[in-house]
Amino acid sequence: MCLLDEAHQMIRNMPMEANAIVWGALLGACRIHRDTQLAELVLKQLIELEPWNSGNYVLLSNIYSTNLKWDEAAKIRLSMNEKGIQKSPGCSWIEVDGIVHEFLVGDKYHPLSKKIYAKLDELTKKMKVAKFDCFIFE
């Protein structure tokens, strides 16, 4: 029995019902270990607990893609569309001089977006030169 199976068994044998955080942690472990079979079982549990949470569907789709199971990944995305579930855009926050700035993926509405994207382009070029390609998503 592998560690993922042990973790799954432990969750199933807990004296209380596992919540979405517990199942989500196991789904994340499935991604790391590329275990699509267990990931499918975990997603079923998560759908019961959080049917609206797009992140769970996206994570399983990414697990399929990592394992080159393109048809299965496409089915998950199609299922999301059929259920009206939309992926939330990625976002981040930064505090500068006591002001919190929020950024969404592809956001062009921030007043300094041109400068921000210029700086990101500059940093990306520097990372490529320094051979940090594995961290660059284009």
N, C-alpha and C. Protein backbone atom coordinates (compact mmCIF):
# COMPACT_ATOMS: atom_id res chain seq x y z
N MET A 1 0.85 -1.18 0.00
CA MET A 1 0.00 0.00 0.00
C MET A 1 0.90 1.24 0.00
N CYS A 2 0.65 2.14 -0.95
CA CYS A 2 1.47 3.36 -1.02
C CYS A 2 0.96 4.39 0.00
N LEU A 3 1.74 5.43 0.19
CA LEU A 3 1.39 6.45 1.19
C LEU A 3 0.08 7.16 0.86
N LEU A 4 -0.20 7.38 -0.42
CA LEU A 4 -1.47 8.01 -0.79
C LEU A 4 -2.65 7.13 -0.39
N ASP A 5 -2.51 5.83 -0.63
CA ASP A 5 -3.58 4.91 -0.24
C ASP A 5 -3.75 4.89 1.28
N GLU A 6 -2.64 4.94 1.99
CA GLU A 6 -2.70 4.99 3.45
C GLU A 6 -3.42 6.25 3.91
N ALA A 7 -3.10 7.38 3.28
CA ALA A 7 -3.75 8.64 3.64
C ALA A 7 -5.25 8.56 3.36
N HIS A 8 -5.60 7.99 2.21
CA HIS A 8 -7.02 7.84 1.85
C HIS A 8 -7.73 6.96 2.88
N GLN A 9 -7.10 5.86 3.24
CA GLN A 9 -7.69 4.95 4.23
C GLN A 9 -7.85 5.65 5.58
N MET A 10 -6.85 6.42 5.98
CA MET A 10 -6.92 7.14 7.24
C MET A 10 -8.09 8.13 7.24
N ILE A 11 -8.27 8.84 6.13
CA ILE A 11 -9.37 9.81 6.02
C ILE A 11 -10.72 9.08 6.12
N ARG A 12 -10.82 7.96 5.43
CA ARG A 12 -12.08 7.21 5.46
C ARG A 12 -12.38 6.63 6.85
N ASN A 13 -11.33 6.37 7.63
CA ASN A 13 -11.51 5.77 8.96
C ASN A 13 -11.56 6.80 10.10
N MET A 14 -11.51 8.07 9.77
CA MET A 14 -11.57 9.09 10.82
C MET A 14 -12.91 8.99 11.55
N PRO A 15 -12.92 9.30 12.83
CA PRO A 15 -14.18 9.21 13.58
C PRO A 15 -15.21 10.27 13.18
N MET A 16 -14.77 11.31 12.47
CA MET A 16 -15.70 12.33 12.00
C MET A 16 -15.60 12.38 10.47
N GLU A 17 -16.59 13.01 9.87
CA GLU A 17 -16.59 13.17 8.41
C GLU A 17 -15.48 14.15 8.01
N ALA A 18 -14.73 13.78 7.01
CA ALA A 18 -13.68 14.68 6.50
C ALA A 18 -14.33 15.86 5.79
N ASN A 19 -13.72 17.04 5.96
CA ASN A 19 -14.24 18.23 5.29
C ASN A 19 -13.49 18.47 3.98
N ALA A 20 -13.86 19.53 3.29
CA ALA A 20 -13.27 19.84 1.99
C ALA A 20 -11.77 20.13 2.11
N ILE A 21 -11.34 20.65 3.22
CA ILE A 21 -9.91 20.95 3.39
C ILE A 21 -9.10 19.65 3.40
N VAL A 22 -9.60 18.66 4.09
CA VAL A 22 -8.91 17.37 4.16
C VAL A 22 -8.88 16.71 2.79
N TRP A 23 -10.05 16.66 2.14
CA TRP A 23 -10.11 16.04 0.81
C TRP A 23 -9.28 16.84 -0.20
N GLY A 24 -9.29 18.16 -0.08
CA GLY A 24 -8.50 19.00 -0.99
C GLY A 24 -7.01 18.76 -0.83
N ALA A 25 -6.57 18.53 0.41
CA ALA A 25 -5.16 18.23 0.64
C ALA A 25 -4.78 16.92 -0.03
N LEU A 26 -5.67 15.94 0.05
CA LEU A 26 -5.40 14.66 -0.60
C LEU A 26 -5.40 14.82 -2.12
N LEU A 27 -6.29 15.64 -2.64
CA LEU A 27 -6.29 15.89 -4.09
C LEU A 27 -4.99 16.55 -4.52
N GLY A 28 -4.49 17.48 -3.72
CA GLY A 28 -3.20 18.11 -4.02
C GLY A 28 -2.07 17.09 -4.02
N ALA A 29 -2.12 16.15 -3.08
CA ALA A 29 -1.11 15.09 -3.04
C ALA A 29 -1.21 14.19 -4.27
N CYS A 30 -2.44 13.96 -4.73
CA CYS A 30 -2.63 13.17 -5.95
C CYS A 30 -1.97 13.87 -7.14
N ARG A 31 -2.04 15.19 -7.16
CA ARG A 31 -1.41 15.94 -8.24
C ARG A 31 0.10 15.76 -8.20
N ILE A 32 0.67 15.89 -7.02
CA ILE A 32 2.12 15.75 -6.87
C ILE A 32 2.58 14.37 -7.32
N HIS A 33 1.80 13.35 -6.97
CA HIS A 33 2.18 11.96 -7.28
C HIS A 33 1.53 11.42 -8.55
N ARG A 34 0.81 12.29 -9.25
CA ARG A 34 0.20 11.96 -10.54
C ARG A 34 -0.72 10.74 -10.47
N ASP A 35 -1.48 10.66 -9.41
CA ASP A 35 -2.39 9.53 -9.21
C ASP A 35 -3.79 9.92 -9.64
N THR A 36 -4.12 9.62 -10.91
CA THR A 36 -5.43 10.02 -11.44
C THR A 36 -6.56 9.17 -10.86
N GLN A 37 -6.29 7.92 -10.59
CA GLN A 37 -7.34 7.02 -10.09
C GLN A 37 -7.86 7.50 -8.73
N LEU A 38 -6.97 7.75 -7.80
CA LEU A 38 -7.39 8.25 -6.49
C LEU A 38 -7.97 9.66 -6.61
N ALA A 39 -7.39 10.48 -7.49
CA ALA A 39 -7.88 11.85 -7.68
C ALA A 39 -9.35 11.86 -8.09
N GLU A 40 -9.75 10.91 -8.92
CA GLU A 40 -11.16 10.82 -9.33
C GLU A 40 -12.06 10.54 -8.13
N LEU A 41 -11.64 9.63 -7.27
CA LEU A 41 -12.43 9.32 -6.07
C LEU A 41 -12.52 10.52 -5.15
N VAL A 42 -11.40 11.22 -5.00
CA VAL A 42 -11.37 12.39 -4.12
C VAL A 42 -12.26 13.49 -4.67
N LEU A 43 -12.23 13.68 -5.99
CA LEU A 43 -13.07 14.73 -6.58
C LEU A 43 -14.55 14.45 -6.31
N LYS A 44 -14.96 13.20 -6.35
CA LYS A 44 -16.36 12.87 -6.05
C LYS A 44 -16.73 13.33 -4.65
N GLN A 45 -15.84 13.13 -3.70
CA GLN A 45 -16.09 13.60 -2.34
C GLN A 45 -16.18 15.12 -2.29
N LEU A 46 -15.26 15.77 -3.00
CA LEU A 46 -15.25 17.24 -3.00
C LEU A 46 -16.48 17.82 -3.68
N ILE A 47 -16.96 17.16 -4.72
CA ILE A 47 -18.16 17.65 -5.40
C ILE A 47 -19.36 17.59 -4.47
N GLU A 48 -19.42 16.55 -3.64
CA GLU A 48 -20.51 16.46 -2.66
C GLU A 48 -20.44 17.60 -1.65
N LEU A 49 -19.22 17.96 -1.26
CA LEU A 49 -19.04 19.00 -0.24
C LEU A 49 -19.07 20.41 -0.82
N GLU A 50 -18.47 20.58 -1.98
CA GLU A 50 -18.35 21.91 -2.61
C GLU A 50 -18.62 21.82 -4.11
N PRO A 51 -19.85 21.58 -4.52
CA PRO A 51 -20.12 21.43 -5.95
C PRO A 51 -19.82 22.68 -6.77
N TRP A 52 -19.74 23.82 -6.13
CA TRP A 52 -19.51 25.10 -6.79
C TRP A 52 -18.03 25.44 -6.94
N ASN A 53 -17.13 24.71 -6.28
CA ASN A 53 -15.71 25.08 -6.24
C ASN A 53 -14.98 24.65 -7.51
N SER A 54 -14.72 25.61 -8.36
CA SER A 54 -14.06 25.33 -9.64
C SER A 54 -12.64 24.80 -9.47
N GLY A 55 -11.99 25.18 -8.39
CA GLY A 55 -10.60 24.77 -8.18
C GLY A 55 -10.42 23.27 -8.12
N ASN A 56 -11.41 22.56 -7.58
CA ASN A 56 -11.32 21.11 -7.50
C ASN A 56 -11.35 20.48 -8.90
N TYR A 57 -12.25 20.96 -9.74
CA TYR A 57 -12.34 20.46 -11.11
C TYR A 57 -11.06 20.78 -11.89
N VAL A 58 -10.58 22.00 -11.72
CA VAL A 58 -9.39 22.42 -12.45
C VAL A 58 -8.18 21.58 -12.03
N LEU A 59 -8.08 21.29 -10.74
CA LEU A 59 -6.96 20.49 -10.27
C LEU A 59 -6.99 19.09 -10.87
N LEU A 60 -8.16 18.45 -10.92
CA LEU A 60 -8.25 17.13 -11.55
C LEU A 60 -7.94 17.23 -13.03
N SER A 61 -8.41 18.26 -13.69
CA SER A 61 -8.09 18.45 -15.11
C SER A 61 -6.59 18.59 -15.31
N ASN A 62 -5.94 19.32 -14.42
CA ASN A 62 -4.48 19.48 -14.51
C ASN A 62 -3.75 18.16 -14.25
N ILE A 63 -4.28 17.34 -13.34
CA ILE A 63 -3.68 16.03 -13.08
C ILE A 63 -3.77 15.18 -14.34
N TYR A 64 -4.93 15.19 -14.99
CA TYR A 64 -5.08 14.46 -16.25
C TYR A 64 -4.09 14.97 -17.30
N SER A 65 -3.99 16.28 -17.42
CA SER A 65 -3.09 16.86 -18.42
C SER A 65 -1.63 16.47 -18.16
N THR A 66 -1.24 16.51 -16.90
CA THR A 66 0.12 16.12 -16.54
C THR A 66 0.42 14.69 -16.95
N ASN A 67 -0.61 13.84 -16.90
CA ASN A 67 -0.47 12.43 -17.28
C ASN A 67 -0.81 12.19 -18.75
N LEU A 68 -0.92 13.28 -19.51
CA LEU A 68 -1.21 13.23 -20.94
C LEU A 68 -2.55 12.57 -21.26
N LYS A 69 -3.49 12.69 -20.35
CA LYS A 69 -4.84 12.16 -20.55
C LYS A 69 -5.72 13.32 -21.00
N TRP A 70 -5.50 13.74 -22.24
CA TRP A 70 -6.14 14.94 -22.76
C TRP A 70 -7.65 14.81 -22.85
N ASP A 71 -8.15 13.64 -23.24
CA ASP A 71 -9.60 13.46 -23.37
C ASP A 71 -10.29 13.61 -22.01
N GLU A 72 -9.69 13.02 -20.98
CA GLU A 72 -10.27 13.12 -19.65
C GLU A 72 -10.24 14.56 -19.14
N ALA A 73 -9.13 15.26 -19.42
CA ALA A 73 -9.04 16.67 -19.02
C ALA A 73 -10.13 17.49 -19.70
N ALA A 74 -10.33 17.23 -20.99
CA ALA A 74 -11.37 17.95 -21.73
C ALA A 74 -12.76 17.64 -21.18
N LYS A 75 -12.99 16.40 -20.76
CA LYS A 75 -14.30 16.03 -20.20
C LYS A 75 -14.57 16.79 -18.90
N ILE A 76 -13.55 16.96 -18.09
CA ILE A 76 -13.72 17.71 -16.84
C ILE A 76 -14.10 19.15 -17.15
N ARG A 77 -13.38 19.76 -18.11
CA ARG A 77 -13.70 21.16 -18.48
C ARG A 77 -15.10 21.26 -19.07
N LEU A 78 -15.49 20.27 -19.87
CA LEU A 78 -16.83 20.26 -20.45
C LEU A 78 -17.88 20.13 -19.34
N SER A 79 -17.60 19.25 -18.38
CA SER A 79 -18.51 19.08 -17.24
C SER A 79 -18.68 20.40 -16.49
N MET A 80 -17.60 21.13 -16.32
CA MET A 80 -17.68 22.44 -15.66
C MET A 80 -18.61 23.37 -16.44
N ASN A 81 -18.43 23.40 -17.77
CA ASN A 81 -19.26 24.28 -18.60
C ASN A 81 -20.73 23.88 -18.52
N GLU A 82 -20.99 22.57 -18.57
CA GLU A 82 -22.37 22.09 -18.51
C GLU A 82 -23.04 22.45 -17.18
N LYS A 83 -22.26 22.47 -16.11
CA LYS A 83 -22.80 22.78 -14.78
C LYS A 83 -22.76 24.28 -14.49
N GLY A 84 -22.25 25.07 -15.44
CA GLY A 84 -22.18 26.51 -15.25
C GLY A 84 -21.10 26.94 -14.26
N ILE A 85 -20.10 26.09 -14.07
CA ILE A 85 -19.02 26.39 -13.13
C ILE A 85 -17.89 27.05 -13.90
N GLN A 86 -17.52 28.25 -13.49
CA GLN A 86 -16.45 28.98 -14.17
C GLN A 86 -15.22 29.06 -13.28
N LYS A 87 -14.06 28.94 -13.91
CA LYS A 87 -12.80 29.04 -13.18
C LYS A 87 -12.61 30.49 -12.74
N SER A 88 -12.26 30.65 -11.49
CA SER A 88 -11.97 31.99 -10.98
C SER A 88 -10.61 32.43 -11.49
N PRO A 89 -10.47 33.69 -11.89
CA PRO A 89 -9.16 34.15 -12.36
C PRO A 89 -8.17 34.19 -11.19
N GLY A 90 -6.92 33.89 -11.49
CA GLY A 90 -5.88 33.99 -10.47
C GLY A 90 -5.71 35.42 -10.03
N CYS A 91 -5.40 35.62 -8.77
CA CYS A 91 -5.19 36.98 -8.29
C CYS A 91 -4.13 36.99 -7.20
N SER A 92 -3.58 38.15 -6.99
CA SER A 92 -2.60 38.33 -5.93
C SER A 92 -2.72 39.75 -5.39
N TRP A 93 -2.15 39.94 -4.21
CA TRP A 93 -2.17 41.25 -3.57
C TRP A 93 -0.76 41.61 -3.15
N ILE A 94 -0.52 42.90 -3.14
CA ILE A 94 0.76 43.40 -2.64
C ILE A 94 0.47 44.71 -1.89
N GLU A 95 1.17 44.91 -0.80
CA GLU A 95 1.01 46.14 -0.04
C GLU A 95 2.25 47.00 -0.26
N VAL A 96 2.02 48.23 -0.70
CA VAL A 96 3.10 49.18 -0.92
C VAL A 96 2.74 50.47 -0.21
N ASP A 97 3.58 50.91 0.68
CA ASP A 97 3.35 52.15 1.43
C ASP A 97 1.97 52.17 2.09
N GLY A 98 1.57 51.03 2.66
CA GLY A 98 0.31 50.96 3.37
C GLY A 98 -0.92 50.83 2.50
N ILE A 99 -0.75 50.76 1.19
CA ILE A 99 -1.88 50.61 0.27
C ILE A 99 -1.83 49.21 -0.33
N VAL A 100 -2.96 48.50 -0.24
CA VAL A 100 -3.05 47.15 -0.78
C VAL A 100 -3.51 47.24 -2.24
N HIS A 101 -2.74 46.62 -3.12
CA HIS A 101 -3.07 46.57 -4.54
C HIS A 101 -3.45 45.14 -4.90
N GLU A 102 -4.57 44.97 -5.60
CA GLU A 102 -5.01 43.65 -6.05
C GLU A 102 -4.80 43.55 -7.55
N PHE A 103 -4.33 42.37 -7.99
CA PHE A 103 -4.10 42.12 -9.41
C PHE A 103 -4.77 40.82 -9.82
N LEU A 104 -5.49 40.87 -10.91
CA LEU A 104 -6.08 39.67 -11.50
C LEU A 104 -5.27 39.29 -12.72
N VAL A 105 -5.28 38.01 -13.08
CA VAL A 105 -4.57 37.57 -14.27
C VAL A 105 -5.10 38.34 -15.47
N GLY A 106 -4.21 38.93 -16.24
CA GLY A 106 -4.58 39.69 -17.43
C GLY A 106 -5.20 41.04 -17.16
N ASP A 107 -5.17 41.48 -15.91
CA ASP A 107 -5.79 42.75 -15.52
C ASP A 107 -5.07 43.92 -16.16
N LYS A 108 -5.81 44.77 -16.85
CA LYS A 108 -5.24 45.96 -17.48
C LYS A 108 -5.83 47.24 -16.89
N TYR A 109 -6.63 47.10 -15.81
CA TYR A 109 -7.34 48.25 -15.27
C TYR A 109 -6.58 48.99 -14.18
N HIS A 110 -5.56 48.37 -13.62
CA HIS A 110 -4.79 49.05 -12.58
C HIS A 110 -4.15 50.29 -13.20
N PRO A 111 -4.13 51.40 -12.50
CA PRO A 111 -3.58 52.63 -13.08
C PRO A 111 -2.10 52.52 -13.48
N LEU A 112 -1.38 51.61 -12.88
CA LEU A 112 0.04 51.43 -13.22
C LEU A 112 0.30 50.15 -14.01
N SER A 113 -0.74 49.61 -14.65
CA SER A 113 -0.59 48.31 -15.31
C SER A 113 0.49 48.32 -16.39
N LYS A 114 0.63 49.41 -17.13
CA LYS A 114 1.68 49.44 -18.17
C LYS A 114 3.06 49.31 -17.55
N LYS A 115 3.30 50.02 -16.47
CA LYS A 115 4.59 49.94 -15.78
C LYS A 115 4.79 48.56 -15.15
N ILE A 116 3.72 48.02 -14.60
CA ILE A 116 3.81 46.70 -13.96
C ILE A 116 4.17 45.63 -14.99
N TYR A 117 3.48 45.64 -16.13
CA TYR A 117 3.75 44.63 -17.16
C TYR A 117 5.13 44.85 -17.79
N ALA A 118 5.57 46.07 -17.90
CA ALA A 118 6.91 46.34 -18.40
C ALA A 118 7.95 45.75 -17.45
N LYS A 119 7.73 45.91 -16.16
CA LYS A 119 8.66 45.36 -15.16
C LYS A 119 8.63 43.83 -15.20
N LEU A 120 7.44 43.24 -15.33
CA LEU A 120 7.35 41.79 -15.44
C LEU A 120 8.08 41.26 -16.67
N ASP A 121 7.95 41.97 -17.79
CA ASP A 121 8.68 41.58 -19.01
C ASP A 121 10.19 41.64 -18.78
N GLU A 122 10.63 42.70 -18.12
CA GLU A 122 12.05 42.86 -17.81
C GLU A 122 12.54 41.71 -16.91
N LEU A 123 11.77 41.39 -15.88
CA LEU A 123 12.14 40.30 -14.98
C LEU A 123 12.14 38.95 -15.69
N THR A 124 11.16 38.75 -16.58
CA THR A 124 11.09 37.50 -17.34
C THR A 124 12.33 37.32 -18.20
N LYS A 125 12.76 38.40 -18.85
CA LYS A 125 13.97 38.32 -19.68
C LYS A 125 15.19 37.99 -18.83
N LYS A 126 15.29 38.62 -17.67
CA LYS A 126 16.42 38.34 -16.78
C LYS A 126 16.40 36.89 -16.30
N MET A 127 15.21 36.38 -16.02
CA MET A 127 15.10 34.99 -15.57
C MET A 127 15.50 34.02 -16.68
N LYS A 128 15.12 34.34 -17.91
CA LYS A 128 15.49 33.48 -19.03
C LYS A 128 17.00 33.46 -19.21
N VAL A 129 17.62 34.61 -19.11
CA VAL A 129 19.07 34.69 -19.23
C VAL A 129 19.75 33.89 -18.12
N ALA A 130 19.14 33.94 -16.93
CA ALA A 130 19.70 33.22 -15.78
C ALA A 130 19.26 31.75 -15.76
N LYS A 131 18.55 31.32 -16.80
CA LYS A 131 18.09 29.93 -16.96
C LYS A 131 17.08 29.50 -15.89
N PHE A 132 16.18 30.40 -15.54
CA PHE A 132 15.09 30.08 -14.63
C PHE A 132 13.82 29.79 -15.42
N ASP A 133 13.95 29.17 -16.59
CA ASP A 133 12.82 28.93 -17.48
C ASP A 133 11.69 28.14 -16.83
N CYS A 134 12.02 27.27 -15.90
CA CYS A 134 10.97 26.43 -15.31
C CYS A 134 9.98 27.24 -14.49
N PHE A 135 10.30 28.47 -14.14
CA PHE A 135 9.39 29.29 -13.36
C PHE A 135 8.63 30.29 -14.20
N ILE A 136 8.84 30.27 -15.50
CA ILE A 136 8.23 31.26 -16.37
C ILE A 136 7.04 30.65 -17.08
N PHE A 137 5.85 31.24 -16.91
CA PHE A 137 4.65 30.76 -17.55
C PHE A 137 4.22 31.80 -18.56
N GLU A 138 4.16 31.40 -19.79
CA GLU A 138 3.75 32.34 -20.83
C GLU A 138 2.47 31.90 -21.48
